[in-house]
Protein backbone atom coordinates (compact mmCIF):
# COMPACT_ATOMS: atom_id res chain seq x y z
CA UNK A 1 70.23 58.35 -17.87
CA UNK A 2 69.58 62.07 -17.38
CA UNK A 3 66.34 63.55 -18.66
CA UNK A 4 64.51 65.92 -16.36
CA UNK A 5 63.30 68.78 -18.52
CA UNK A 6 61.38 70.58 -15.80
CA UNK A 7 60.03 70.05 -12.27
CA UNK A 8 56.83 68.04 -12.15
CA UNK A 9 54.50 70.83 -11.13
CA UNK A 10 54.76 73.54 -8.47
CA UNK A 11 52.84 73.28 -5.25
CA UNK A 12 50.26 75.91 -4.37
CA UNK A 13 50.89 75.93 -0.60
CA UNK A 14 53.83 75.55 1.74
CA UNK A 15 53.43 71.81 2.37
CA UNK A 16 56.03 69.39 1.08
CA UNK A 17 54.70 67.49 -1.91
CA UNK A 18 56.00 63.99 -2.58
CA UNK A 19 55.79 61.97 -5.79
CA UNK A 20 56.85 58.34 -6.13
CA UNK A 21 57.14 56.68 -9.52
CA UNK A 22 57.99 53.06 -10.28
CA UNK A 23 58.88 52.11 -13.86
CA UNK A 24 59.49 48.81 -15.61
CA UNK A 25 60.61 48.50 -19.24
CA UNK A 26 61.24 45.58 -21.56
CA UNK A 27 62.92 46.06 -24.92
CA UNK A 28 62.44 42.94 -27.01
CA UNK A 29 65.27 41.36 -28.99
CA UNK A 30 66.53 43.21 -32.02
CA UNK A 31 69.36 42.64 -34.48
CA UNK A 32 72.72 44.40 -34.58
CA UNK A 33 73.85 45.50 -38.03
CA UNK A 34 77.16 43.69 -37.49
CA UNK A 35 75.52 40.45 -36.40
CA UNK A 36 74.07 39.17 -33.16
CA UNK A 37 71.00 40.14 -31.18
CA UNK A 38 70.24 41.81 -27.90
CA UNK A 39 67.41 42.95 -25.67
CA UNK A 40 67.19 44.50 -22.25
CA UNK A 41 64.80 45.10 -19.39
CA UNK A 42 64.93 47.60 -16.57
CA UNK A 43 63.30 48.48 -13.28
CA UNK A 44 63.58 51.72 -11.38
CA UNK A 45 62.00 53.94 -8.75
CA UNK A 46 62.11 57.69 -8.19
CA UNK A 47 61.17 59.80 -5.17
CA UNK A 48 60.60 63.54 -5.71
CA UNK A 49 60.08 66.01 -2.87
CA UNK A 50 58.99 69.58 -3.60
CA UNK A 51 58.88 72.40 -1.03
CA UNK A 52 57.56 75.92 -1.80
CA UNK A 53 59.52 78.52 0.14
CA UNK A 54 57.51 81.49 -1.11
CA UNK A 55 54.66 82.26 -3.51
CA UNK A 56 57.19 82.44 -6.35
CA UNK A 57 59.94 80.00 -5.37
CA UNK A 58 60.21 76.29 -4.69
CA UNK A 59 63.05 73.86 -4.08
CA UNK A 60 63.13 70.10 -4.48
CA UNK A 61 65.14 66.93 -4.24
CA UNK A 62 64.97 63.78 -6.33
CA UNK A 63 66.38 60.34 -5.50
CA UNK A 64 66.40 57.61 -8.13
CA UNK A 65 67.69 54.06 -8.48
CA UNK A 66 67.46 51.88 -11.56
CA UNK A 67 68.94 48.71 -13.03
CA UNK A 68 69.15 47.44 -16.60
CA UNK A 69 69.55 43.77 -17.47
CA UNK A 70 71.00 43.10 -20.94
CA UNK A 71 70.76 39.81 -22.83
CA UNK A 72 72.90 39.07 -25.90
CA UNK A 73 72.74 36.15 -28.30
CA UNK A 74 74.54 34.87 -31.43
CA UNK A 75 77.55 37.04 -30.60
CA UNK A 76 80.05 35.15 -32.76
CA UNK A 77 80.74 37.84 -35.34
CA UNK A 78 82.55 41.21 -35.40
CA UNK A 79 85.15 39.97 -32.94
CA UNK A 80 82.69 39.33 -30.11
CA UNK A 81 83.97 35.79 -29.66
CA UNK A 82 80.60 34.76 -28.25
CA UNK A 83 80.98 37.14 -25.31
CA UNK A 84 78.41 39.64 -24.06
CA UNK A 85 79.72 43.23 -24.29
CA UNK A 86 78.02 44.01 -20.94
CA UNK A 87 75.30 42.60 -18.68
CA UNK A 88 73.77 44.44 -15.68
CA UNK A 89 73.97 48.22 -15.27
CA UNK A 90 73.00 50.04 -12.06
CA UNK A 91 72.24 53.75 -11.88
CA UNK A 92 71.70 55.51 -8.53
CA UNK A 93 71.11 59.25 -8.90
CA UNK A 94 70.52 62.36 -6.81
CA UNK A 95 69.07 65.61 -8.12
CA UNK A 96 68.09 69.01 -6.78
CA UNK A 97 65.77 71.62 -8.24
CA UNK A 98 65.21 75.34 -7.87
CA UNK A 99 62.25 77.08 -9.51
CA UNK A 100 61.46 80.80 -9.42
CA UNK A 101 58.64 82.75 -11.07
CA UNK A 102 59.34 86.36 -12.08
CA UNK A 103 56.75 89.13 -12.13
CA UNK A 104 56.84 89.08 -15.94
CA UNK A 105 55.30 85.56 -15.98
CA UNK A 106 58.69 83.98 -16.70
CA UNK A 107 59.62 80.88 -14.72
CA UNK A 108 63.28 79.90 -14.32
CA UNK A 109 64.39 76.39 -13.37
CA UNK A 110 67.81 75.10 -12.33
CA UNK A 111 68.20 71.32 -11.87
CA UNK A 112 71.66 69.94 -10.94
CA UNK A 113 72.07 66.15 -10.98
CA UNK A 114 74.72 63.58 -10.16
CA UNK A 115 74.50 59.86 -10.89
CA UNK A 116 76.68 56.79 -11.09
CA UNK A 117 76.10 54.49 -14.06
CA UNK A 118 78.15 51.31 -14.02
CA UNK A 119 78.13 47.65 -14.92
CA UNK A 120 78.18 45.27 -11.95
CA UNK A 121 81.79 45.02 -10.75
CA UNK A 122 82.91 48.34 -12.25
CA UNK A 123 84.67 51.09 -10.32
CA UNK A 124 81.98 53.52 -9.15
CA UNK A 125 84.50 56.35 -8.76
CA UNK A 126 84.99 56.36 -12.55
CA UNK A 127 81.31 56.11 -13.47
CA UNK A 128 79.92 59.53 -12.59
CA UNK A 129 77.67 61.68 -14.75
CA UNK A 130 77.04 65.16 -13.37
CA UNK A 131 75.79 68.51 -14.57
CA UNK A 132 72.66 70.59 -14.68
CA UNK A 133 69.62 71.56 -16.70
CA UNK A 134 68.65 75.21 -17.07
CA UNK A 135 65.37 76.35 -18.57
CA UNK A 136 63.15 79.39 -18.74
CA UNK A 137 59.53 79.54 -19.85
CA UNK A 138 56.95 82.29 -20.16
CA UNK A 139 53.19 82.05 -19.63
CA UNK A 140 52.16 83.60 -22.94
CA UNK A 141 48.45 83.04 -22.35
CA UNK A 142 46.22 81.13 -19.91
CA UNK A 143 46.62 78.08 -22.17
CA UNK A 144 50.23 78.34 -23.39
CA UNK A 145 53.53 78.17 -21.51
CA UNK A 146 56.58 78.17 -23.81
CA UNK A 147 60.32 78.29 -23.29
CA UNK A 148 63.78 76.91 -23.98
CA UNK A 149 66.24 74.89 -21.96
CA UNK A 150 69.75 73.49 -22.10
CA UNK A 151 71.35 70.50 -20.41
CA UNK A 152 75.11 70.57 -19.73
CA UNK A 153 76.66 67.33 -18.45
CA UNK A 154 79.97 65.60 -17.92
CA UNK A 155 78.98 62.09 -18.97
CA UNK A 156 81.82 59.66 -18.10
CA UNK A 157 84.86 61.06 -19.94
CA UNK A 158 82.93 63.28 -22.36
CA UNK A 159 80.91 66.48 -22.32
CA UNK A 160 77.33 66.64 -23.54
CA UNK A 161 75.22 69.72 -24.26
CA UNK A 162 71.65 69.42 -25.51
CA UNK A 163 68.97 72.08 -26.06
CA UNK A 164 65.26 71.36 -25.75
CA UNK A 165 61.86 73.06 -25.91
CA UNK A 166 59.73 73.58 -22.80
CA UNK A 167 56.04 73.57 -23.66
CA UNK A 168 52.69 73.18 -21.97
CA UNK A 169 49.93 74.05 -24.44
CA UNK A 170 46.29 73.36 -23.69
CA UNK A 171 45.09 73.27 -27.29
CA UNK A 172 41.50 72.55 -26.26
CA UNK A 173 39.59 70.95 -23.40
CA UNK A 174 40.74 67.55 -24.66
CA UNK A 175 44.09 68.15 -26.40
CA UNK A 176 47.37 69.09 -24.72
CA UNK A 177 50.97 69.32 -25.98
CA UNK A 178 53.78 69.19 -23.41
CA UNK A 179 57.01 67.50 -22.37
CA UNK A 180 56.81 63.84 -21.27
CA UNK A 181 56.74 63.07 -17.56
CA UNK A 182 60.42 63.19 -16.46
CA UNK A 183 60.22 59.90 -14.58
CA UNK A 184 58.68 57.97 -17.46
CA UNK A 185 60.38 55.69 -20.00
CA UNK A 186 60.88 58.47 -22.58
CA UNK A 187 62.44 60.97 -20.17
CA UNK A 188 61.50 64.62 -19.93
CA UNK A 189 63.27 66.21 -22.91
CA UNK A 190 60.82 65.38 -25.68
CA UNK A 191 57.31 66.16 -26.92
CA UNK A 192 54.05 64.45 -26.06
CA UNK A 193 50.56 65.09 -27.48
CA UNK A 194 47.72 63.96 -25.21
CA UNK A 195 44.03 63.41 -25.89
CA UNK A 196 41.68 63.29 -22.89
CA UNK A 197 39.17 60.53 -23.64
CA UNK A 198 37.42 60.75 -20.28
CA UNK A 199 38.23 62.38 -16.94
CA UNK A 200 40.11 59.21 -15.97
CA UNK A 201 41.57 57.97 -19.26
CA UNK A 202 44.05 59.64 -21.64
CA UNK A 203 45.85 58.57 -24.80
CA UNK A 204 49.20 60.12 -25.76
CA UNK A 205 51.86 59.88 -28.41
CA UNK A 206 55.31 61.39 -28.69
CA UNK A 207 59.05 60.97 -29.05
CA UNK A 208 62.28 61.91 -27.30
CA UNK A 209 66.03 61.43 -27.63
CA UNK A 210 67.85 59.10 -25.26
CA UNK A 211 71.63 58.77 -24.88
CA UNK A 212 73.52 57.42 -21.88
CA UNK A 213 76.95 56.06 -21.02
CA UNK A 214 78.13 53.63 -18.35
CA UNK A 215 81.41 52.30 -17.00
CA UNK A 216 82.21 48.68 -17.88
CA UNK A 217 83.69 46.20 -15.42
CA UNK A 218 87.22 44.80 -15.48
CA UNK A 219 86.30 41.24 -16.51
CA UNK A 220 84.36 41.81 -19.73
CA UNK A 221 85.62 42.01 -23.33
CA UNK A 222 86.02 45.81 -23.04
CA UNK A 223 87.44 45.79 -19.51
CA UNK A 224 87.35 49.15 -17.75
CA UNK A 225 85.99 50.92 -20.81
CA UNK A 226 82.77 52.81 -21.46
CA UNK A 227 79.54 51.54 -22.99
CA UNK A 228 76.95 53.74 -24.66
CA UNK A 229 73.40 53.34 -25.92
CA UNK A 230 71.61 55.88 -28.13
CA UNK A 231 68.09 55.70 -29.50
CA UNK A 232 64.90 57.66 -30.17
CA UNK A 233 61.91 56.23 -28.28
CA UNK A 234 58.71 56.83 -30.25
CA UNK A 235 55.78 55.93 -28.04
CA UNK A 236 52.06 55.58 -27.53
CA UNK A 237 50.87 55.93 -23.93
CA UNK A 238 47.62 54.92 -22.29
CA UNK A 239 47.04 56.56 -18.91
CA UNK A 240 44.44 55.69 -16.33
CA UNK A 241 43.81 57.70 -13.15
CA UNK A 242 43.15 55.13 -10.46
CA UNK A 243 42.23 57.91 -8.04
CA UNK A 244 43.04 61.60 -7.57
CA UNK A 245 46.64 60.89 -6.57
CA UNK A 246 47.49 57.67 -8.42
CA UNK A 247 47.99 57.06 -12.15
CA UNK A 248 49.08 54.05 -14.19
CA UNK A 249 50.69 54.48 -17.62
CA UNK A 250 51.12 51.73 -20.20
CA UNK A 251 53.62 52.44 -22.98
CA UNK A 252 54.13 50.82 -26.37
CA UNK A 253 57.46 51.99 -27.78
CA UNK A 254 59.59 51.68 -30.88
CA UNK A 255 63.23 52.47 -30.12
CA UNK A 256 64.42 53.87 -33.44
CA UNK A 257 67.78 54.98 -34.83
CA UNK A 258 69.62 53.04 -32.16
CA UNK A 259 73.33 52.39 -31.78
CA UNK A 260 75.59 50.77 -29.20
CA UNK A 261 79.24 51.69 -28.67
CA UNK A 262 82.12 50.46 -26.51
CA UNK A 263 85.22 52.56 -25.93
CA UNK A 264 88.32 50.91 -24.47
CA UNK A 265 90.58 52.31 -21.77
CA UNK A 266 92.83 53.93 -24.41
CA UNK A 267 89.90 56.03 -25.63
CA UNK A 268 89.58 54.08 -28.88
CA UNK A 269 86.25 52.83 -30.20
CA UNK A 270 86.31 49.03 -29.93
CA UNK A 271 82.66 48.49 -30.87
CA UNK A 272 80.28 50.68 -32.84
CA UNK A 273 77.17 49.37 -34.54
CA UNK A 274 73.62 50.43 -35.25
CA UNK A 275 70.65 48.21 -34.50
CA UNK A 276 67.24 47.73 -36.02
CA UNK A 277 64.14 49.39 -34.62
CA UNK A 278 63.36 47.62 -31.35
CA UNK A 279 59.83 47.20 -29.96
CA UNK A 280 59.40 47.75 -26.23
CA UNK A 281 56.69 47.95 -23.58
CA UNK A 282 56.69 49.75 -20.25
CA UNK A 283 54.58 50.34 -17.16
CA UNK A 284 54.85 53.45 -15.02
CA UNK A 285 53.01 53.87 -11.72
CA UNK A 286 52.88 57.36 -10.20
CA UNK A 287 51.66 58.16 -6.69
CA UNK A 288 51.42 61.72 -5.35
CA UNK A 289 51.19 62.49 -1.64
């Protein structure tokens, strides 16, 4: 999955800043429109390093590894033959970032990324997603930063381009509208409204768009093909600051408008079905050094 909308903050001195996030997600079982049920869980960790090289410019690197574990049941219709379309998907990823602030209060960000997304046993050489995110935002006032961005990716045999809004708006001392934390379950290209209950506790709500593809192995029903999952995670988030550098987020999600697709090695769609809104929960632990 690719979803970094913007770097997670810019350091104010020349020290390297490190952020580690660990995320676990469980999507509960939901029904496919063509029959059968599925659910999945995932675990992943991300390390971000950020280094200012001047008062206006910073560079960074991000390393991520995640795995998804899919469970299917009642797969006796629509030609499934009782078989699971796919099982475990692993996604190692490497990203870079470059951020530069212009004198006009514009900030420009360039974030290239490469990742491999593949079912266990698949050929990693044919499972690459690569591309970059570009965005520019302007500090319109002390409380509002607004801009636009575009992601351009080669996502396993297809091209994907998606625009998004960059926003950080301090509406009041308690309310803030911005993009979700890039390392969280919703990804970075979405909108999140946050209410500060106390100095240590915040409540948020928002939504994003999630779409990712992965190479299938050579022993499954769609051997050597490509799987895809699309959905819109609508979420409520409860965040607690354990200390000044550590935060724990609990998510309650509804994955809406979802669909799963399998494309065979001839490029033909072998499976395409929507699924009902799926409830999910997630935990995200963030530690800054």
